[in-house]
Amino acid sequence: MKHTTPFWAPSGKRERLARKRDREQRAARGLTTPRLRTILLVELDAIFMPEWAVRKAVPGMTITKDAVWLGRIAGRALEREDRLAGGHPKVTAALYRPCKICKRPRIGLDAEYRLELDRRFQGERIPCSPECVEIQAARLKRRGNHQAA
């Protein structure tokens, strides 16, 4: 007996085509397709924090003398460098997406929530939390004070 899926059932091809159609429609309207970024927390064991790693750190994330948040490629390079020096670095991966309003980094489930907001119509204007609007207002006020001086 031949197995067939109903026409309404989601299939890999239909989902890919729907995502492609969505990207094309967004591009036609001049919008970018929001995506999640994977970042790595690399905790060093054998080496000191290199200068290049500090420069490539994810903006808004914590940097210590032996731990830094980096993108995937830079994080793997730093991990490899520490392993070659005889260390056993600890690497933790997380999803990342900054808020367009308050500019704060969102990690994990917060990043997924921010992505869902950004996918909506005018979603980049929806605040990520109650403090989001207050932070943006304070930032604009500081910017206004700097421009007036």
C-alpha atoms as a PDB file:
ATOM      1  CA  MET A   1       0.000   0.000   0.000  1.00  0.00           C
ATOM      2  CA  LYS A   2       1.363   3.388  -1.010  1.00  0.00           C
ATOM      3  CA  HIS A   3       1.686   5.935   1.794  1.00  0.00           C
ATOM      4  CA  THR A   4       0.454   9.396   0.880  1.00  0.00           C
ATOM      5  CA  THR A   5       0.217  12.437   3.066  1.00  0.00           C
ATOM      6  CA  PRO A   6      -2.891  14.581   2.898  1.00  0.00           C
ATOM      7  CA  PHE A   7      -2.567  17.779   0.864  1.00  0.00           C
ATOM      8  CA  TRP A   8      -3.054  19.872   4.014  1.00  0.00           C
ATOM      9  CA  ALA A   9      -0.312  18.132   6.015  1.00  0.00           C
ATOM     10  CA  PRO A  10       2.892  20.127   6.408  1.00  0.00           C
ATOM     11  CA  SER A  11       5.772  18.731   4.424  1.00  0.00           C
ATOM     12  CA  GLY A  12       9.365  19.781   4.266  1.00  0.00           C
ATOM     13  CA  LYS A  13       9.038  21.028   0.698  1.00  0.00           C
ATOM     14  CA  ARG A  14       5.852  23.004   1.377  1.00  0.00           C
ATOM     15  CA  GLU A  15       7.403  24.627   4.447  1.00  0.00           C
ATOM     16  CA  ARG A  16      10.560  25.565   2.527  1.00  0.00           C
ATOM     17  CA  LEU A  17       8.498  27.037  -0.301  1.00  0.00           C
ATOM     18  CA  ALA A  18       6.345  28.984   2.172  1.00  0.00           C
ATOM     19  CA  ARG A  19       9.460  30.406   3.870  1.00  0.00           C
ATOM     20  CA  LYS A  20      10.941  31.302   0.479  1.00  0.00           C
ATOM     21  CA  ARG A  21       7.710  33.018  -0.593  1.00  0.00           C
ATOM     22  CA  ASP A  22       7.648  34.933   2.708  1.00  0.00           C
ATOM     23  CA  ARG A  23      11.266  36.079   2.255  1.00  0.00           C
ATOM     24  CA  GLU A  24      10.544  37.213  -1.312  1.00  0.00           C
ATOM     25  CA  GLN A  25       7.440  39.147  -0.231  1.00  0.00           C
ATOM     26  CA  ARG A  26       9.344  40.825   2.598  1.00  0.00           C
ATOM     27  CA  ALA A  27      12.212  41.710   0.239  1.00  0.00           C
ATOM     28  CA  ALA A  28       9.755  43.187  -2.269  1.00  0.00           C
ATOM     29  CA  ARG A  29       8.498  45.504   0.501  1.00  0.00           C
ATOM     30  CA  GLY A  30      12.079  46.407   1.451  1.00  0.00           C
ATOM     31  CA  LEU A  31      12.081  44.451   4.721  1.00  0.00           C
ATOM     32  CA  THR A  32      14.746  42.078   5.986  1.00  0.00           C
ATOM     33  CA  THR A  33      13.905  38.616   7.235  1.00  0.00           C
ATOM     34  CA  PRO A  34      14.570  38.445  10.993  1.00  0.00           C
ATOM     35  CA  ARG A  35      16.830  35.610  12.112  1.00  0.00           C
ATOM     36  CA  LEU A  36      18.184  34.239  15.355  1.00  0.00           C
ATOM     37  CA  ARG A  37      21.912  34.257  15.917  1.00  0.00           C
ATOM     38  CA  THR A  38      23.788  31.591  17.864  1.00  0.00           C
ATOM     39  CA  ILE A  39      26.444  32.914  20.224  1.00  0.00           C
ATOM     40  CA  LEU A  40      28.921  31.027  22.384  1.00  0.00           C
ATOM     41  CA  LEU A  41      30.127  31.693  25.904  1.00  0.00           C
ATOM     42  CA  VAL A  42      33.737  30.518  25.900  1.00  0.00           C
ATOM     43  CA  GLU A  43      35.298  30.025  29.335  1.00  0.00           C
ATOM     44  CA  LEU A  44      39.064  29.704  28.935  1.00  0.00           C
ATOM     45  CA  ASP A  45      41.229  27.296  30.875  1.00  0.00           C
ATOM     46  CA  ALA A  46      44.851  27.485  29.654  1.00  0.00           C
ATOM     47  CA  ILE A  47      45.353  30.897  28.022  1.00  0.00           C
ATOM     48  CA  PHE A  48      44.685  34.528  28.842  1.00  0.00           C
ATOM     49  CA  MET A  49      41.956  36.353  26.962  1.00  0.00           C
ATOM     50  CA  PRO A  50      43.385  37.465  23.585  1.00  0.00           C
ATOM     51  CA  GLU A  51      42.809  41.047  22.423  1.00  0.00           C
ATOM     52  CA  TRP A  52      41.085  39.922  19.233  1.00  0.00           C
ATOM     53  CA  ALA A  53      38.468  38.057  21.297  1.00  0.00           C
ATOM     54  CA  VAL A  54      37.678  41.186  23.326  1.00  0.00           C
ATOM     55  CA  ARG A  55      37.278  43.179  20.080  1.00  0.00           C
ATOM     56  CA  LYS A  56      34.970  40.533  18.595  1.00  0.00           C
ATOM     57  CA  ALA A  57      32.813  40.166  21.719  1.00  0.00           C
ATOM     58  CA  VAL A  58      29.052  40.386  21.259  1.00  0.00           C
ATOM     59  CA  PRO A  59      27.928  43.956  22.104  1.00  0.00           C
ATOM     60  CA  GLY A  60      26.088  44.264  25.399  1.00  0.00           C
ATOM     61  CA  MET A  61      27.272  40.929  26.751  1.00  0.00           C
ATOM     62  CA  THR A  62      29.590  40.396  29.733  1.00  0.00           C
ATOM     63  CA  ILE A  63      33.340  40.020  29.266  1.00  0.00           C
ATOM     64  CA  THR A  64      35.529  38.739  32.105  1.00  0.00           C
ATOM     65  CA  LYS A  65      39.220  37.868  32.273  1.00  0.00           C
ATOM     66  CA  ASP A  66      38.515  34.240  31.368  1.00  0.00           C
ATOM     67  CA  ALA A  67      35.070  34.232  29.705  1.00  0.00           C
ATOM     68  CA  VAL A  68      33.617  36.047  26.704  1.00  0.00           C
ATOM     69  CA  TRP A  69      30.502  35.863  24.508  1.00  0.00           C
ATOM     70  CA  LEU A  70      31.434  35.471  20.823  1.00  0.00           C
ATOM     71  CA  GLY A  71      29.787  34.565  17.545  1.00  0.00           C
ATOM     72  CA  ARG A  72      29.987  30.938  16.405  1.00  0.00           C
ATOM     73  CA  ILE A  73      33.082  31.214  14.215  1.00  0.00           C
ATOM     74  CA  ALA A  74      35.130  33.370  16.589  1.00  0.00           C
ATOM     75  CA  GLY A  75      33.988  31.248  19.537  1.00  0.00           C
ATOM     76  CA  ARG A  76      35.152  28.023  17.886  1.00  0.00           C
ATOM     77  CA  ALA A  77      38.488  29.657  16.981  1.00  0.00           C
ATOM     78  CA  LEU A  78      39.042  30.733  20.601  1.00  0.00           C
ATOM     79  CA  GLU A  79      38.062  27.279  21.835  1.00  0.00           C
ATOM     80  CA  ARG A  80      40.523  25.669  19.402  1.00  0.00           C
ATOM     81  CA  GLU A  81      43.284  28.068  20.522  1.00  0.00           C
ATOM     82  CA  ASP A  82      42.723  27.142  24.173  1.00  0.00           C
ATOM     83  CA  ARG A  83      42.662  23.398  23.394  1.00  0.00           C
ATOM     84  CA  LEU A  84      45.951  23.660  21.469  1.00  0.00           C
ATOM     85  CA  ALA A  85      47.475  25.317  24.546  1.00  0.00           C
ATOM     86  CA  GLY A  86      46.476  22.258  26.619  1.00  0.00           C
ATOM     87  CA  GLY A  87      43.293  23.596  28.190  1.00  0.00           C
ATOM     88  CA  HIS A  88      39.754  22.283  28.408  1.00  0.00           C
ATOM     89  CA  PRO A  89      37.541  25.293  27.664  1.00  0.00           C
ATOM     90  CA  LYS A  90      33.865  25.222  28.540  1.00  0.00           C
ATOM     91  CA  VAL A  91      31.607  26.338  25.681  1.00  0.00           C
ATOM     92  CA  THR A  92      27.932  27.194  26.140  1.00  0.00           C
ATOM     93  CA  ALA A  93      25.720  27.999  23.152  1.00  0.00           C
ATOM     94  CA  ALA A  94      22.687  30.289  23.278  1.00  0.00           C
ATOM     95  CA  LEU A  95      20.255  31.892  20.860  1.00  0.00           C
ATOM     96  CA  TYR A  96      20.678  35.670  20.589  1.00  0.00           C
ATOM     97  CA  ARG A  97      18.668  38.552  19.193  1.00  0.00           C
ATOM     98  CA  PRO A  98      18.941  42.196  20.267  1.00  0.00           C
ATOM     99  CA  CYS A  99      15.807  44.274  20.794  1.00  0.00           C
ATOM    100  CA  LYS A 100      15.425  46.935  18.099  1.00  0.00           C
ATOM    101  CA  ILE A 101      13.889  49.390  20.579  1.00  0.00           C
ATOM    102  CA  CYS A 102      15.990  49.242  23.762  1.00  0.00           C
ATOM    103  CA  LYS A 103      19.070  47.607  22.145  1.00  0.00           C
ATOM    104  CA  ARG A 104      19.372  45.107  25.005  1.00  0.00           C
ATOM    105  CA  PRO A 105      20.573  41.603  24.122  1.00  0.00           C
ATOM    106  CA  ARG A 106      17.915  38.902  24.398  1.00  0.00           C
ATOM    107  CA  ILE A 107      19.079  35.318  25.006  1.00  0.00           C
ATOM    108  CA  GLY A 108      17.391  31.923  24.807  1.00  0.00           C
ATOM    109  CA  LEU A 109      13.599  31.999  25.094  1.00  0.00           C
ATOM    110  CA  ASP A 110      13.648  35.809  25.212  1.00  0.00           C
ATOM    111  CA  ALA A 111      15.457  35.783  21.852  1.00  0.00           C
ATOM    112  CA  GLU A 112      12.829  33.459  20.379  1.00  0.00           C
ATOM    113  CA  TYR A 113      10.060  35.722  21.725  1.00  0.00           C
ATOM    114  CA  ARG A 114      11.794  38.793  20.234  1.00  0.00           C
ATOM    115  CA  LEU A 115      12.067  36.955  16.892  1.00  0.00           C
ATOM    116  CA  GLU A 116       8.336  36.201  16.918  1.00  0.00           C
ATOM    117  CA  LEU A 117       7.604  39.874  17.643  1.00  0.00           C
ATOM    118  CA  ASP A 118       9.920  40.983  14.824  1.00  0.00           C
ATOM    119  CA  ARG A 119       8.196  38.660  12.349  1.00  0.00           C
ATOM    120  CA  ARG A 120       4.859  40.398  12.887  1.00  0.00           C
ATOM    121  CA  PHE A 121       3.726  43.377  10.855  1.00  0.00           C
ATOM    122  CA  GLN A 122       5.428  46.410  12.432  1.00  0.00           C
ATOM    123  CA  GLY A 123       6.811  43.982  15.026  1.00  0.00           C
ATOM    124  CA  GLU A 124      10.120  45.801  15.387  1.00  0.00           C
ATOM    125  CA  ARG A 125       8.140  48.595  17.061  1.00  0.00           C
ATOM    126  CA  ILE A 126       6.642  46.323  19.741  1.00  0.00           C
ATOM    127  CA  PRO A 127       8.508  46.594  23.084  1.00  0.00           C
ATOM    128  CA  CYS A 128      10.123  43.427  24.434  1.00  0.00           C
ATOM    129  CA  SER A 129       9.326  44.211  28.097  1.00  0.00           C
ATOM    130  CA  PRO A 130       7.742  46.935  30.252  1.00  0.00           C
ATOM    131  CA  GLU A 131      11.173  48.489  30.850  1.00  0.00           C
ATOM    132  CA  CYS A 132      11.910  48.578  27.116  1.00  0.00           C
ATOM    133  CA  VAL A 133      10.123  51.867  26.416  1.00  0.00           C
ATOM    134  CA  GLU A 134      11.618  53.502  29.522  1.00  0.00           C
ATOM    135  CA  ILE A 135      15.143  52.530  28.454  1.00  0.00           C
ATOM    136  CA  GLN A 136      14.564  53.889  24.951  1.00  0.00           C
ATOM    137  CA  ALA A 137      13.147  57.161  26.357  1.00  0.00           C
ATOM    138  CA  ALA A 138      16.180  57.576  28.636  1.00  0.00           C
ATOM    139  CA  ARG A 139      18.519  56.880  25.703  1.00  0.00           C
ATOM    140  CA  LEU A 140      16.748  59.456  23.514  1.00  0.00           C
ATOM    141  CA  LYS A 141      16.821  61.988  26.343  1.00  0.00           C
ATOM    142  CA  ARG A 142      20.587  61.496  26.790  1.00  0.00           C
ATOM    143  CA  ARG A 143      21.086  61.781  23.034  1.00  0.00           C
ATOM    144  CA  GLY A 144      19.060  65.013  23.002  1.00  0.00           C
ATOM    145  CA  ASN A 145      21.161  66.441  25.855  1.00  0.00           C
ATOM    146  CA  HIS A 146      24.379  65.601  23.981  1.00  0.00           C
ATOM    147  CA  GLN A 147      23.156  67.226  20.763  1.00  0.00           C
ATOM    148  CA  ALA A 148      22.023  70.386  22.590  1.00  0.00           C
ATOM    149  CA  ALA A 149      25.436  70.843  24.251  1.00  0.00           C
END
